[in-house]
Each structure stands twice: as C-alpha cells, then as structure tokens.
Amino acid sequence: MAASCAAKVSGSVFDNGGAAVSLYRPGTAVSGAILKTSTVLVAALARAVIVIEALDHTEAMHTAGAAFALRRLLLAAPATDDVRASGNTRLLTEQHAVLVPGPQRALALL
C-alpha cells in the first residue's frame, strides 16, 4: 500500500512539471547518513530555508546549517519556550537566521 501511495504522489509531482532529485540511486535504503547528506542538496537547491520549529541537532537543523554555509537566506519562526524550538532559539541567538513572525514577512523577504 505504501508503494502505491508513493507512486500516486510521485505521479502528481511529475504530472505537474516537478522533478525528483537525489544524490542516490532509486531504491537506496534510507538511513540517517543519507538523510543528512540529502539535506545539503535541499539547501543547495533552495532560494531560502525556513525553520518553523526544530529541535537542536536534527536533520532540520542540519539543513539550516547547510543553508547558512551556502549563504542561502535562512529564516526562522519566533522561538517559543517549547523544547521543540531549541533550534530556532540557537539560530536566532547566533544571528544565523532572520526572524519571520509570520508568512507575510517570509514572503516579503523572498
């Protein structure tokens, strides 16, 4: 069932002019290392990376770090007291990301 669901999503992406891009051959088993290297590809292809809510030391933060290293626009939602926003806190405190309190501000920066 998962394969048919993935095929439907892939079909709709391709049918609408999208593409699948990967550093790995189709069928490669997913692992933490593959996810980590794939985040660099995401950052490289993106005009901007927006961190909504991220724990520190997660793949989302790895993507943010790659975006920062590649000098991509890095945006972060306001940090909350929730532990799930510790990554946002670090990005904003270290001034690696621009604060975006809402979608309008993010769109204005793009």
N, C-alpha and C. Protein backbone atom coordinates (compact mmCIF):
# COMPACT_ATOMS: atom_id res chain seq x y z
N MET A 1 0.81 -1.19 0.00
CA MET A 1 0.00 0.00 0.00
C MET A 1 0.86 1.26 0.00
N ALA A 2 1.97 1.26 0.75
CA ALA A 2 2.84 2.43 0.80
C ALA A 2 3.43 2.73 -0.57
N ALA A 3 3.78 1.68 -1.31
CA ALA A 3 4.36 1.88 -2.64
C ALA A 3 3.35 2.52 -3.58
N SER A 4 2.10 2.08 -3.52
CA SER A 4 1.10 2.67 -4.41
C SER A 4 0.82 4.12 -4.03
N CYS A 5 0.85 4.42 -2.74
CA CYS A 5 0.65 5.80 -2.29
C CYS A 5 1.81 6.67 -2.77
N ALA A 6 3.05 6.18 -2.65
CA ALA A 6 4.21 6.92 -3.11
C ALA A 6 4.15 7.13 -4.62
N ALA A 7 3.68 6.12 -5.34
CA ALA A 7 3.57 6.24 -6.80
C ALA A 7 2.57 7.31 -7.17
N LYS A 8 1.46 7.42 -6.43
CA LYS A 8 0.46 8.45 -6.72
C LYS A 8 1.04 9.84 -6.48
N VAL A 9 1.77 10.01 -5.38
CA VAL A 9 2.38 11.30 -5.09
C VAL A 9 3.41 11.63 -6.15
N SER A 10 4.28 10.68 -6.47
CA SER A 10 5.30 10.92 -7.49
C SER A 10 4.66 11.25 -8.82
N GLY A 11 3.62 10.52 -9.18
CA GLY A 11 2.94 10.79 -10.44
C GLY A 11 2.40 12.20 -10.50
N SER A 12 1.80 12.66 -9.42
CA SER A 12 1.23 14.00 -9.43
C SER A 12 2.33 15.06 -9.48
N VAL A 13 3.44 14.81 -8.84
CA VAL A 13 4.57 15.75 -8.90
C VAL A 13 5.07 15.84 -10.34
N PHE A 14 5.30 14.71 -10.94
CA PHE A 14 5.82 14.69 -12.31
C PHE A 14 4.79 15.24 -13.30
N ASP A 15 3.53 14.92 -13.09
CA ASP A 15 2.47 15.40 -13.99
C ASP A 15 2.33 16.91 -13.97
N ASN A 16 2.76 17.54 -12.88
CA ASN A 16 2.65 18.99 -12.74
C ASN A 16 3.98 19.71 -12.99
N GLY A 17 4.89 19.05 -13.69
CA GLY A 17 6.15 19.70 -14.06
C GLY A 17 7.25 19.60 -13.02
N GLY A 18 7.03 18.84 -11.96
CA GLY A 18 8.04 18.68 -10.91
C GLY A 18 9.08 17.64 -11.30
N ALA A 19 10.05 17.50 -10.43
CA ALA A 19 11.12 16.53 -10.68
C ALA A 19 11.52 15.87 -9.37
N ALA A 20 12.11 14.70 -9.47
CA ALA A 20 12.69 14.02 -8.32
C ALA A 20 14.20 14.15 -8.44
N VAL A 21 14.84 14.66 -7.41
CA VAL A 21 16.28 14.86 -7.42
C VAL A 21 16.86 14.16 -6.20
N SER A 22 17.92 13.40 -6.40
CA SER A 22 18.53 12.68 -5.30
C SER A 22 20.01 12.49 -5.57
N LEU A 23 20.75 12.35 -4.51
CA LEU A 23 22.16 12.00 -4.61
C LEU A 23 22.35 10.50 -4.75
N TYR A 24 21.26 9.76 -4.59
CA TYR A 24 21.33 8.30 -4.53
C TYR A 24 20.45 7.67 -5.59
N ARG A 25 20.80 6.45 -5.94
CA ARG A 25 20.02 5.71 -6.94
C ARG A 25 18.65 5.33 -6.38
N PRO A 26 17.65 5.24 -7.25
CA PRO A 26 16.34 4.79 -6.79
C PRO A 26 16.45 3.43 -6.09
N GLY A 27 15.73 3.28 -5.01
CA GLY A 27 15.74 2.02 -4.27
C GLY A 27 16.77 1.97 -3.15
N THR A 28 17.62 3.00 -3.03
CA THR A 28 18.60 3.02 -1.96
C THR A 28 17.87 3.07 -0.62
N ALA A 29 18.28 2.22 0.30
CA ALA A 29 17.64 2.20 1.63
C ALA A 29 17.93 3.50 2.37
N VAL A 30 16.93 3.99 3.05
CA VAL A 30 17.05 5.25 3.79
C VAL A 30 17.80 5.00 5.10
N SER A 31 18.70 5.92 5.43
CA SER A 31 19.42 5.84 6.70
C SER A 31 19.64 7.27 7.20
N GLY A 32 20.10 7.39 8.40
CA GLY A 32 20.39 8.71 8.96
C GLY A 32 21.44 9.44 8.14
N ALA A 33 22.46 8.73 7.70
CA ALA A 33 23.52 9.35 6.90
C ALA A 33 22.98 9.87 5.57
N ILE A 34 22.11 9.10 4.95
CA ILE A 34 21.52 9.52 3.67
C ILE A 34 20.64 10.75 3.88
N LEU A 35 19.85 10.75 4.95
CA LEU A 35 19.01 11.92 5.23
C LEU A 35 19.87 13.15 5.45
N LYS A 36 20.97 12.99 6.17
CA LYS A 36 21.84 14.13 6.47
C LYS A 36 22.46 14.71 5.20
N THR A 37 22.95 13.85 4.32
CA THR A 37 23.55 14.37 3.08
C THR A 37 22.49 14.93 2.14
N SER A 38 21.29 14.37 2.20
CA SER A 38 20.21 14.89 1.35
C SER A 38 19.78 16.29 1.76
N THR A 39 19.93 16.63 3.03
CA THR A 39 19.56 17.97 3.48
C THR A 39 20.45 19.03 2.84
N VAL A 40 21.69 18.68 2.56
CA VAL A 40 22.59 19.62 1.90
C VAL A 40 22.08 19.89 0.48
N LEU A 41 21.61 18.87 -0.19
CA LEU A 41 21.04 19.04 -1.53
C LEU A 41 19.81 19.94 -1.48
N VAL A 42 18.97 19.74 -0.49
CA VAL A 42 17.78 20.59 -0.34
C VAL A 42 18.20 22.05 -0.19
N ALA A 43 19.17 22.30 0.68
CA ALA A 43 19.63 23.68 0.90
C ALA A 43 20.26 24.26 -0.35
N ALA A 44 21.00 23.46 -1.08
CA ALA A 44 21.66 23.94 -2.30
C ALA A 44 20.65 24.33 -3.38
N LEU A 45 19.56 23.60 -3.44
CA LEU A 45 18.55 23.86 -4.47
C LEU A 45 17.56 24.96 -4.08
N ALA A 46 17.53 25.29 -2.80
CA ALA A 46 16.55 26.25 -2.31
C ALA A 46 17.04 27.68 -2.40
N ARG A 47 16.13 28.59 -2.61
CA ARG A 47 16.43 30.01 -2.55
C ARG A 47 16.50 30.47 -1.10
N ALA A 48 15.69 29.82 -0.26
CA ALA A 48 15.66 30.13 1.17
C ALA A 48 15.22 28.89 1.92
N VAL A 49 15.64 28.81 3.17
CA VAL A 49 15.21 27.74 4.06
C VAL A 49 14.51 28.40 5.24
N ILE A 50 13.30 27.92 5.54
CA ILE A 50 12.53 28.46 6.65
C ILE A 50 12.41 27.38 7.72
N VAL A 51 12.88 27.70 8.91
CA VAL A 51 12.76 26.78 10.04
C VAL A 51 11.55 27.20 10.86
N ILE A 52 10.55 26.35 10.90
CA ILE A 52 9.32 26.65 11.63
C ILE A 52 9.49 26.27 13.09
N GLU A 53 9.92 25.06 13.33
CA GLU A 53 10.14 24.57 14.69
C GLU A 53 11.10 23.40 14.59
N ALA A 54 12.24 23.51 15.25
CA ALA A 54 13.23 22.44 15.13
C ALA A 54 13.97 22.23 16.44
N LEU A 55 14.10 20.98 16.79
CA LEU A 55 14.99 20.62 17.88
C LEU A 55 16.42 20.87 17.44
N ASP A 56 17.26 21.22 18.36
CA ASP A 56 18.67 21.37 18.04
C ASP A 56 19.24 19.99 17.68
N HIS A 57 20.16 19.93 16.77
CA HIS A 57 20.84 18.69 16.36
C HIS A 57 19.91 17.70 15.67
N THR A 58 19.05 18.19 14.79
CA THR A 58 18.19 17.33 13.99
C THR A 58 18.49 17.57 12.51
N GLU A 59 17.87 16.78 11.64
CA GLU A 59 18.06 16.97 10.20
C GLU A 59 17.63 18.37 9.76
N ALA A 60 16.58 18.89 10.37
CA ALA A 60 16.14 20.25 10.02
C ALA A 60 17.24 21.26 10.33
N MET A 61 17.91 21.08 11.44
CA MET A 61 19.00 21.99 11.80
C MET A 61 20.22 21.75 10.91
N HIS A 62 20.40 20.53 10.46
CA HIS A 62 21.48 20.27 9.51
C HIS A 62 21.20 20.99 8.20
N THR A 63 19.94 20.98 7.77
CA THR A 63 19.56 21.73 6.57
C THR A 63 19.81 23.22 6.77
N ALA A 64 19.45 23.73 7.94
CA ALA A 64 19.67 25.15 8.25
C ALA A 64 21.16 25.47 8.22
N GLY A 65 21.97 24.60 8.79
CA GLY A 65 23.42 24.80 8.78
C GLY A 65 23.99 24.80 7.37
N ALA A 66 23.48 23.90 6.54
CA ALA A 66 23.92 23.85 5.15
C ALA A 66 23.51 25.11 4.41
N ALA A 67 22.29 25.57 4.66
CA ALA A 67 21.82 26.81 4.03
C ALA A 67 22.70 27.99 4.44
N PHE A 68 23.02 28.07 5.71
CA PHE A 68 23.88 29.15 6.21
C PHE A 68 25.26 29.08 5.55
N ALA A 69 25.83 27.88 5.49
CA ALA A 69 27.15 27.70 4.88
C ALA A 69 27.14 28.06 3.39
N LEU A 70 26.03 27.78 2.72
CA LEU A 70 25.89 28.08 1.29
C LEU A 70 25.42 29.51 1.04
N ARG A 71 25.27 30.28 2.11
CA ARG A 71 24.82 31.68 2.04
C ARG A 71 23.43 31.82 1.44
N ARG A 72 22.59 30.82 1.74
CA ARG A 72 21.18 30.91 1.36
C ARG A 72 20.45 31.71 2.44
N LEU A 73 19.36 32.32 2.07
CA LEU A 73 18.55 33.04 3.03
C LEU A 73 18.00 32.03 4.03
N LEU A 74 18.24 32.28 5.31
CA LEU A 74 17.80 31.38 6.36
C LEU A 74 16.84 32.16 7.26
N LEU A 75 15.61 31.68 7.33
CA LEU A 75 14.55 32.33 8.09
C LEU A 75 14.10 31.41 9.21
N ALA A 76 13.71 32.00 10.34
CA ALA A 76 13.23 31.18 11.46
C ALA A 76 12.03 31.85 12.11
N ALA A 77 11.06 31.02 12.43
CA ALA A 77 9.89 31.48 13.18
C ALA A 77 10.34 31.82 14.60
N PRO A 78 9.58 32.67 15.28
CA PRO A 78 9.96 33.02 16.66
C PRO A 78 10.08 31.77 17.53
N ALA A 79 11.12 31.75 18.35
CA ALA A 79 11.30 30.63 19.26
C ALA A 79 10.28 30.72 20.38
N THR A 80 9.83 29.57 20.82
CA THR A 80 8.90 29.51 21.95
C THR A 80 9.63 28.86 23.12
N ASP A 81 8.96 28.73 24.22
CA ASP A 81 9.54 28.05 25.38
C ASP A 81 9.56 26.54 25.21
N ASP A 82 8.91 26.06 24.16
CA ASP A 82 8.84 24.62 23.91
C ASP A 82 10.21 24.09 23.52
N VAL A 83 10.58 22.94 24.05
CA VAL A 83 11.88 22.34 23.74
C VAL A 83 12.03 22.07 22.24
N ARG A 84 10.89 21.89 21.55
CA ARG A 84 10.95 21.62 20.11
C ARG A 84 11.39 22.84 19.30
N ALA A 85 11.56 23.97 19.94
CA ALA A 85 12.01 25.18 19.26
C ALA A 85 13.44 25.55 19.65
N SER A 86 14.17 24.63 20.25
CA SER A 86 15.55 24.93 20.68
C SER A 86 16.45 25.28 19.50
N GLY A 87 16.19 24.68 18.36
CA GLY A 87 16.97 25.02 17.16
C GLY A 87 16.71 26.44 16.71
N ASN A 88 15.45 26.84 16.73
CA ASN A 88 15.11 28.23 16.37
C ASN A 88 15.80 29.20 17.31
N THR A 89 15.78 28.89 18.60
CA THR A 89 16.44 29.75 19.59
C THR A 89 17.90 29.93 19.24
N ARG A 90 18.58 28.84 18.94
CA ARG A 90 20.02 28.92 18.62
C ARG A 90 20.26 29.71 17.34
N LEU A 91 19.47 29.44 16.30
CA LEU A 91 19.66 30.15 15.03
C LEU A 91 19.48 31.66 15.20
N LEU A 92 18.46 32.04 15.95
CA LEU A 92 18.18 33.46 16.15
C LEU A 92 19.20 34.11 17.09
N THR A 93 19.58 33.41 18.15
CA THR A 93 20.56 33.95 19.11
C THR A 93 21.91 34.16 18.44
N GLU A 94 22.32 33.21 17.61
CA GLU A 94 23.61 33.31 16.92
C GLU A 94 23.53 34.20 15.68
N GLN A 95 22.37 34.75 15.42
CA GLN A 95 22.11 35.62 14.27
C GLN A 95 22.45 34.95 12.94
N HIS A 96 22.15 33.66 12.87
CA HIS A 96 22.31 32.92 11.62
C HIS A 96 21.04 32.98 10.78
N ALA A 97 19.93 33.29 11.43
CA ALA A 97 18.64 33.33 10.74
C ALA A 97 17.97 34.68 10.97
N VAL A 98 17.12 35.02 10.02
CA VAL A 98 16.31 36.24 10.12
C VAL A 98 14.97 35.84 10.73
N LEU A 99 14.53 36.59 11.72
CA LEU A 99 13.25 36.33 12.37
C LEU A 99 12.10 36.63 11.42
N VAL A 100 11.20 35.67 11.28
CA VAL A 100 9.99 35.87 10.48
C VAL A 100 8.79 35.51 11.35
N PRO A 101 8.11 36.51 11.89
CA PRO A 101 6.99 36.25 12.79
C PRO A 101 5.76 35.68 12.10
N GLY A 102 5.70 35.78 10.80
CA GLY A 102 4.54 35.26 10.07
C GLY A 102 4.86 35.07 8.60
N PRO A 103 3.94 34.45 7.88
CA PRO A 103 4.17 34.17 6.46
C PRO A 103 4.35 35.42 5.61
N GLN A 104 3.68 36.51 5.96
CA GLN A 104 3.79 37.73 5.16
C GLN A 104 5.25 38.24 5.16
N ARG A 105 5.88 38.20 6.33
CA ARG A 105 7.28 38.65 6.43
C ARG A 105 8.19 37.73 5.61
N ALA A 106 7.96 36.43 5.68
CA ALA A 106 8.76 35.48 4.91
C ALA A 106 8.63 35.76 3.43
N LEU A 107 7.40 35.96 2.96
CA LEU A 107 7.18 36.25 1.54
C LEU A 107 7.82 37.56 1.12
N ALA A 108 7.77 38.55 2.01
CA ALA A 108 8.39 39.85 1.71
C ALA A 108 9.90 39.72 1.53
N LEU A 109 10.53 38.83 2.29
CA LEU A 109 11.98 38.63 2.20
C LEU A 109 12.40 37.84 0.98
N LEU A 110 11.46 37.07 0.44
CA LEU A 110 11.79 36.29 -0.76
C LEU A 110 11.75 37.18 -1.97
